[in-house]
Amino acid sequence: MPYENTDSLPQETQSLPQEAKQIFMAAFNAASSDGMSEDGAHEVAWNSVRNTFIQDSNGEWSFKADKIDSRSRTGAMPGG
């Protein structure tokens, strides 16, 4: 069953930043619509979150360093 909004996500996602919740929801819904089982779709969703975010020893989530750099690029062409 797809998630309608981030408020309906599983309890274990509630500590995620809003952007990570959006990633989780989009990945879960896409995997689910492709016919994946609910457990499989949750695994895909968590892998998608962990691809962009990292959890520290205190349980806090933040963008991975390499993802921060790519988010700050403007997309301007070199020499222009």
Protein backbone atom coordinates (compact mmCIF):
# COMPACT_ATOMS: atom_id res chain seq x y z
CA MET A 1 0.00 0.00 0.00
CA PRO A 2 1.58 3.32 -1.01
CA TYR A 3 2.16 6.08 1.50
CA GLU A 4 0.08 9.22 0.91
CA ASN A 5 2.26 11.58 2.98
CA THR A 6 5.23 11.51 5.34
CA ASP A 7 2.96 11.48 8.40
CA SER A 8 1.79 7.99 7.42
CA LEU A 9 5.32 6.54 7.26
CA PRO A 10 6.38 3.83 9.75
CA GLN A 11 7.32 4.93 13.27
CA GLU A 12 11.01 4.11 12.72
CA THR A 13 11.23 6.86 10.06
CA GLN A 14 10.00 9.64 12.35
CA SER A 15 13.55 10.65 13.38
CA LEU A 16 14.51 11.24 9.74
CA PRO A 17 14.85 14.78 8.35
CA GLN A 18 11.95 15.80 6.11
CA GLU A 19 14.00 15.35 2.91
CA ALA A 20 14.92 11.81 3.97
CA LYS A 21 11.26 11.05 4.66
CA GLN A 22 10.42 12.23 1.14
CA ILE A 23 13.12 9.95 -0.29
CA PHE A 24 11.84 7.02 1.77
CA MET A 25 8.25 7.58 0.66
CA ALA A 26 9.13 7.99 -3.03
CA ALA A 27 11.37 4.91 -3.06
CA PHE A 28 8.85 2.76 -1.19
CA ASN A 29 5.97 3.82 -3.43
CA ALA A 30 7.99 3.22 -6.61
CA ALA A 31 9.16 -0.22 -5.49
CA SER A 32 5.67 -1.13 -4.35
CA SER A 33 4.10 -0.04 -7.63
CA ASP A 34 6.66 -2.19 -9.46
CA GLY A 35 5.20 -5.21 -7.67
CA MET A 36 7.77 -5.61 -4.91
CA SER A 37 6.64 -7.06 -1.58
CA GLU A 38 6.11 -4.67 1.31
CA ASP A 39 9.25 -5.94 3.06
CA GLY A 40 11.26 -5.58 -0.14
CA ALA A 41 9.91 -2.07 -0.75
CA HIS A 42 10.89 -1.07 2.81
CA GLU A 43 14.40 -2.38 2.19
CA VAL A 44 14.64 -0.38 -1.05
CA ALA A 45 13.37 2.72 0.77
CA TRP A 46 15.93 2.43 3.57
CA ASN A 47 18.74 1.82 1.07
CA SER A 48 17.67 4.96 -0.79
CA VAL A 49 17.78 6.99 2.42
CA ARG A 50 21.20 5.58 3.36
CA ASN A 51 22.51 6.45 -0.10
CA THR A 52 22.04 10.15 0.67
CA PHE A 53 22.01 10.37 4.48
CA ILE A 54 24.16 8.97 7.26
CA GLN A 55 23.19 8.29 10.86
CA ASP A 56 25.68 9.22 13.58
CA SER A 57 26.24 7.46 16.91
CA ASN A 58 23.58 9.68 18.54
CA GLY A 59 20.97 8.61 16.02
CA GLU A 60 20.99 11.95 14.18
CA TRP A 61 20.67 11.85 10.39
CA SER A 62 22.55 14.24 8.10
CA PHE A 63 23.49 14.51 4.44
CA LYS A 64 26.58 12.54 3.45
CA ALA A 65 29.49 14.86 2.66
CA ASP A 66 29.61 13.90 -1.02
CA LYS A 67 25.88 14.60 -1.32
CA ILE A 68 26.24 18.08 0.23
CA ASP A 69 28.77 19.05 -2.44
CA SER A 70 26.50 17.93 -5.27
CA ARG A 71 23.50 19.78 -3.79
CA SER A 72 25.41 23.08 -3.71
CA ARG A 73 26.33 23.07 -7.39
CA THR A 74 24.40 25.53 -9.52
CA GLY A 75 24.72 23.66 -12.77
CA ALA A 76 26.44 26.60 -14.49
CA MET A 77 28.49 25.77 -17.54
CA PRO A 78 32.28 26.10 -17.21
CA GLY A 79 33.67 29.34 -18.56
CA GLY A 80 30.29 30.96 -18.62
